[in-house]
Amino acid sequence: MLMNTDANTNLIKVQVVDRQQIALWGIDQLIKQDGRFQVCATATNAEDALKHAINSKPDVIVLDPELGDEDGIGLISTLIDKTKAKVIVYTSTQNPTALDQSVVKGARGVINKTEPVDILLKAIEKIHIGELWLNRNATSRILLQIAQANSPKELSLEQKKLKTLTSKEEKVTRAIQLHSEKTLKQISESLHISEHTLRNHLASIYDKLGVRNRMELYVFCGKFQKTDNPNAHPKRRSTDA
């Protein structure tokens, strides 16, 4: 269902996708009660979710990937490819593999429906401004899965990409690995450069390595680039993108 989105263009536009009408209504009402957000569309299936996302152009999509016989996890990458929206997985599943795959597909955050409702609102706000909403255990599992799936052929190809980085860009990637718990402002200060310069370096790095955001860069470097501290892990729940 599409909503009227002309009321206030300054609000964060949110689309909600859940196959259960009652759950969909509840999440819709929760988000509407917060003056920072505007529900621009709702959907109960993958086809409507994609159609409404393209038409309403949400900033954030809250998605329960359990869409019956449909591939809700696969839908994540499709939504990201077709729109500029950031995806939050909001689900009742306790299956860590499914949750990790959601992140691999591009989700910027994962929240269980058993958590307090204010957590969802806080996550929407943080993810909208470019942060991630992932716990340390999930990040560690994802990196381990990727490392285990590594092959010599892939390693050779990706290391060639790393060689295209300038010395300054390489320094930035290592800082991202070693200080994953810090914001971009804090990392820029540690590198003695402005945050604007850091973001310019990141844009160039993303293009050269074929990644889309800081989470994908972190995963890429965790797999293919050694750091001085290989045991570095995020220490808090969210990080800047």
Protein backbone atom coordinates (compact mmCIF):
# COMPACT_ATOMS: atom_id res chain seq x y z
CA MET A 1 0.00 0.00 0.00
CA LEU A 2 1.31 3.44 -0.96
CA MET A 3 0.90 6.37 1.42
CA ASN A 4 0.70 10.13 0.82
CA THR A 5 4.31 11.34 1.10
CA ASP A 6 3.80 15.06 0.35
CA ALA A 7 3.14 16.21 3.94
CA ASN A 8 6.71 16.78 5.07
CA THR A 9 9.75 16.12 2.92
CA ASN A 10 12.06 16.45 5.94
CA LEU A 11 10.72 13.29 7.56
CA ILE A 12 12.54 9.97 7.23
CA LYS A 13 10.47 7.91 4.79
CA VAL A 14 10.00 4.31 5.91
CA GLN A 15 8.56 1.34 4.05
CA VAL A 16 7.39 -1.69 6.04
CA VAL A 17 7.30 -5.23 4.61
CA ASP A 18 5.73 -8.07 6.61
CA ARG A 19 3.51 -10.90 5.39
CA GLN A 20 1.28 -10.76 8.50
CA GLN A 21 -1.29 -7.99 8.34
CA ILE A 22 -1.53 -7.63 12.13
CA ALA A 23 2.24 -7.32 12.49
CA LEU A 24 2.34 -4.92 9.56
CA TRP A 25 -0.31 -2.72 11.18
CA GLY A 26 1.51 -2.75 14.53
CA ILE A 27 4.87 -1.72 13.06
CA ASP A 28 3.12 0.88 10.92
CA GLN A 29 1.41 2.42 13.97
CA LEU A 30 4.62 2.36 16.03
CA ILE A 31 6.62 4.22 13.38
CA LYS A 32 3.82 6.74 12.72
CA GLN A 33 3.78 7.75 16.39
CA ASP A 34 7.33 9.10 16.13
CA GLY A 35 7.41 12.57 14.62
CA ARG A 36 10.74 11.95 12.88
CA PHE A 37 9.34 9.31 10.53
CA GLN A 38 6.73 8.92 7.83
CA VAL A 39 5.45 5.53 6.62
CA CYS A 40 5.44 5.91 2.84
CA ALA A 41 4.43 2.35 1.89
CA THR A 42 3.59 -1.09 3.23
CA ALA A 43 3.62 -4.50 1.58
CA THR A 44 2.95 -8.15 2.40
CA ASN A 45 4.84 -9.77 -0.48
CA ALA A 46 8.00 -9.35 -2.53
CA GLU A 47 6.31 -8.08 -5.70
CA ASP A 48 4.46 -5.26 -3.93
CA ALA A 49 7.49 -4.47 -1.79
CA LEU A 50 9.66 -3.87 -4.85
CA LYS A 51 6.96 -1.97 -6.75
CA HIS A 52 6.20 0.34 -3.83
CA ALA A 53 9.89 0.86 -3.06
CA ILE A 54 10.53 2.05 -6.61
CA ASN A 55 7.48 4.34 -6.57
CA SER A 56 7.69 5.80 -3.04
CA LYS A 57 11.50 5.96 -2.75
CA PRO A 58 11.81 5.18 0.99
CA ASP A 59 14.91 6.13 2.95
CA VAL A 60 14.72 2.99 5.07
CA ILE A 61 12.93 -0.33 4.50
CA VAL A 62 11.94 -2.41 7.53
CA LEU A 63 11.72 -5.97 6.22
CA ASP A 64 10.70 -9.27 7.75
CA PRO A 65 12.31 -11.67 5.23
CA GLU A 66 9.98 -14.52 6.23
CA LEU A 67 7.60 -14.04 3.31
CA GLY A 68 6.20 -17.56 3.06
CA ASP A 69 7.38 -19.32 -0.09
CA GLU A 70 9.14 -16.18 -1.36
CA ASP A 71 12.85 -15.52 -0.97
CA GLY A 72 12.79 -12.65 1.48
CA ILE A 73 16.55 -12.67 2.00
CA GLY A 74 17.16 -12.53 -1.75
CA LEU A 75 14.74 -9.60 -1.90
CA ILE A 76 17.18 -7.51 0.16
CA SER A 77 19.78 -7.18 -2.61
CA THR A 78 17.04 -6.53 -5.19
CA LEU A 79 15.60 -3.68 -3.13
CA ILE A 80 19.05 -2.17 -2.68
CA ASP A 81 19.89 -2.49 -6.37
CA LYS A 82 16.62 -0.88 -7.48
CA THR A 83 16.45 1.89 -4.85
CA LYS A 84 18.74 3.93 -2.63
CA ALA A 85 17.01 2.66 0.51
CA LYS A 86 18.80 1.12 3.45
CA VAL A 87 17.33 -2.17 4.69
CA ILE A 88 16.72 -3.25 8.29
CA VAL A 89 15.84 -6.89 8.88
CA TYR A 90 13.15 -7.07 11.58
CA THR A 91 12.37 -10.69 12.31
CA SER A 92 11.45 -13.31 14.89
CA THR A 93 13.87 -15.94 13.57
CA GLN A 94 16.70 -17.14 15.81
CA ASN A 95 18.56 -18.79 12.92
CA PRO A 96 22.03 -17.16 12.88
CA THR A 97 22.74 -18.38 9.34
CA ALA A 98 19.66 -16.63 7.98
CA LEU A 99 20.49 -13.45 9.87
CA ASP A 100 24.09 -13.46 8.65
CA GLN A 101 22.97 -14.02 5.07
CA SER A 102 20.73 -10.98 5.38
CA VAL A 103 23.79 -8.87 6.16
CA VAL A 104 25.79 -10.45 3.34
CA LYS A 105 22.94 -9.50 0.99
CA GLY A 106 23.23 -5.89 2.11
CA ALA A 107 21.04 -5.33 5.18
CA ARG A 108 22.42 -2.50 7.32
CA GLY A 109 20.91 -3.81 10.54
CA VAL A 110 19.28 -6.84 12.15
CA ILE A 111 16.71 -6.59 14.96
CA ASN A 112 14.76 -9.37 16.63
CA LYS A 113 11.07 -8.74 17.25
CA THR A 114 11.53 -9.73 20.89
CA GLU A 115 13.58 -6.58 21.52
CA PRO A 116 11.99 -3.41 22.97
CA VAL A 117 10.08 -1.41 20.35
CA ASP A 118 12.20 1.68 20.88
CA ILE A 119 15.19 -0.28 19.55
CA LEU A 120 13.58 -0.39 16.11
CA LEU A 121 13.03 3.37 16.09
CA LYS A 122 16.60 4.04 17.21
CA ALA A 123 17.96 1.67 14.56
CA ILE A 124 15.96 3.39 11.82
CA GLU A 125 17.41 6.74 12.84
CA LYS A 126 21.01 5.46 13.07
CA ILE A 127 20.89 3.52 9.81
CA HIS A 128 19.35 6.48 8.00
CA ILE A 129 22.36 8.66 8.88
CA GLY A 130 24.79 6.01 7.65
CA GLU A 131 25.49 3.79 10.63
CA LEU A 132 25.19 0.02 10.98
CA TRP A 133 23.14 -1.85 13.58
CA LEU A 134 24.97 -5.14 14.10
CA ASN A 135 26.28 -6.85 17.20
CA ARG A 136 29.85 -8.06 17.53
CA ASN A 137 28.94 -11.77 17.45
CA ALA A 138 27.13 -11.42 14.13
CA THR A 139 30.01 -9.50 12.56
CA SER A 140 32.52 -12.12 13.73
CA ARG A 141 30.42 -14.97 12.33
CA ILE A 142 30.10 -13.25 8.94
CA LEU A 143 33.84 -12.67 8.66
CA LEU A 144 34.52 -16.28 9.62
CA GLN A 145 32.08 -17.60 7.00
CA ILE A 146 33.69 -15.51 4.28
CA ALA A 147 37.18 -16.55 5.33
CA GLN A 148 36.18 -20.24 5.24
CA ALA A 149 34.71 -19.82 1.76
CA ASN A 150 37.89 -18.22 0.44
CA SER A 151 39.66 -19.79 -2.53
CA PRO A 152 43.14 -19.04 -4.00
CA LYS A 153 41.61 -17.80 -7.26
CA GLU A 154 39.35 -15.30 -5.47
CA LEU A 155 42.19 -14.18 -3.24
CA SER A 156 44.44 -13.45 -6.22
CA LEU A 157 41.72 -11.43 -7.96
CA GLU A 158 40.82 -9.36 -4.90
CA GLN A 159 44.42 -8.70 -3.97
CA LYS A 160 44.91 -7.21 -7.43
CA LYS A 161 42.14 -4.76 -6.56
CA LEU A 162 43.90 -3.88 -3.32
CA LYS A 163 47.07 -3.08 -5.28
CA THR A 164 45.19 -0.32 -7.13
CA LEU A 165 44.83 1.63 -3.87
CA THR A 166 47.14 4.56 -3.22
CA SER A 167 49.23 4.53 -0.06
CA LYS A 168 46.80 6.95 1.58
CA GLU A 169 43.81 4.81 0.62
CA GLU A 170 45.53 1.70 1.95
CA LYS A 171 46.13 3.53 5.21
CA VAL A 172 42.41 4.33 5.38
CA THR A 173 41.40 0.69 4.83
CA ARG A 174 43.71 -0.44 7.62
CA ALA A 175 42.29 2.22 9.92
CA ILE A 176 38.76 0.99 9.14
CA GLN A 177 39.84 -2.53 10.13
CA LEU A 178 41.70 -1.55 13.29
CA HIS A 179 39.15 0.97 14.54
CA SER A 180 35.82 -0.52 13.46
CA GLU A 181 34.16 0.66 16.66
CA LYS A 182 34.90 4.31 15.93
CA THR A 183 32.91 6.87 13.96
CA LEU A 184 34.27 8.36 10.75
CA LYS A 185 34.99 11.59 12.61
CA GLN A 186 37.10 9.72 15.16
CA ILE A 187 38.93 7.77 12.45
CA SER A 188 39.65 10.94 10.48
CA GLU A 189 41.13 12.50 13.62
CA SER A 190 43.37 9.46 14.16
CA LEU A 191 44.58 9.83 10.56
CA HIS A 192 45.05 13.60 10.98
CA ILE A 193 42.77 14.41 8.06
CA SER A 194 39.34 16.02 7.83
CA GLU A 195 36.19 13.91 7.81
CA HIS A 196 35.44 15.32 4.34
CA THR A 197 38.80 14.07 3.05
CA LEU A 198 38.20 10.68 4.64
CA ARG A 199 34.82 10.38 2.92
CA ASN A 200 36.46 11.26 -0.42
CA HIS A 201 39.05 8.52 0.13
CA LEU A 202 36.29 6.05 0.99
CA ALA A 203 34.34 6.90 -2.17
CA SER A 204 37.45 6.15 -4.25
CA ILE A 205 38.15 2.95 -2.29
CA TYR A 206 34.56 1.72 -2.70
CA ASP A 207 34.85 2.23 -6.46
CA LYS A 208 38.21 0.46 -6.78
CA LEU A 209 37.28 -2.53 -4.60
CA GLY A 210 33.72 -2.87 -5.87
CA VAL A 211 32.05 -2.46 -2.47
CA ARG A 212 29.09 -0.25 -1.60
CA ASN A 213 29.51 0.78 2.00
CA ARG A 214 31.66 0.60 5.11
CA MET A 215 30.28 -2.81 6.16
CA GLU A 216 31.21 -4.35 2.81
CA LEU A 217 34.63 -2.69 3.00
CA TYR A 218 35.15 -4.12 6.50
CA VAL A 219 34.22 -7.60 5.28
CA PHE A 220 36.41 -7.28 2.17
CA CYS A 221 39.46 -6.17 4.12
CA GLY A 222 38.86 -8.73 6.84
CA LYS A 223 39.08 -11.42 4.18
CA PHE A 224 41.87 -10.14 1.93
CA GLN A 225 43.94 -7.59 3.84
CA LYS A 226 46.05 -8.28 6.89
CA THR A 227 46.17 -5.70 9.67
CA ASP A 228 48.49 -5.14 12.60
CA ASN A 229 45.70 -6.39 14.84
CA PRO A 230 43.85 -9.28 13.16
CA ASN A 231 41.69 -9.81 16.23
CA ALA A 232 40.14 -6.35 16.03
CA HIS A 233 36.35 -6.47 16.36
CA PRO A 234 33.64 -3.83 16.75
CA LYS A 235 33.00 -2.96 20.38
CA ARG A 236 29.65 -1.31 20.09
CA ARG A 237 26.41 -1.93 18.33
CA SER A 238 26.49 0.59 15.55
CA THR A 239 29.16 2.23 13.36
CA ASP A 240 29.17 4.96 10.76
CA ALA A 241 28.95 3.83 7.14
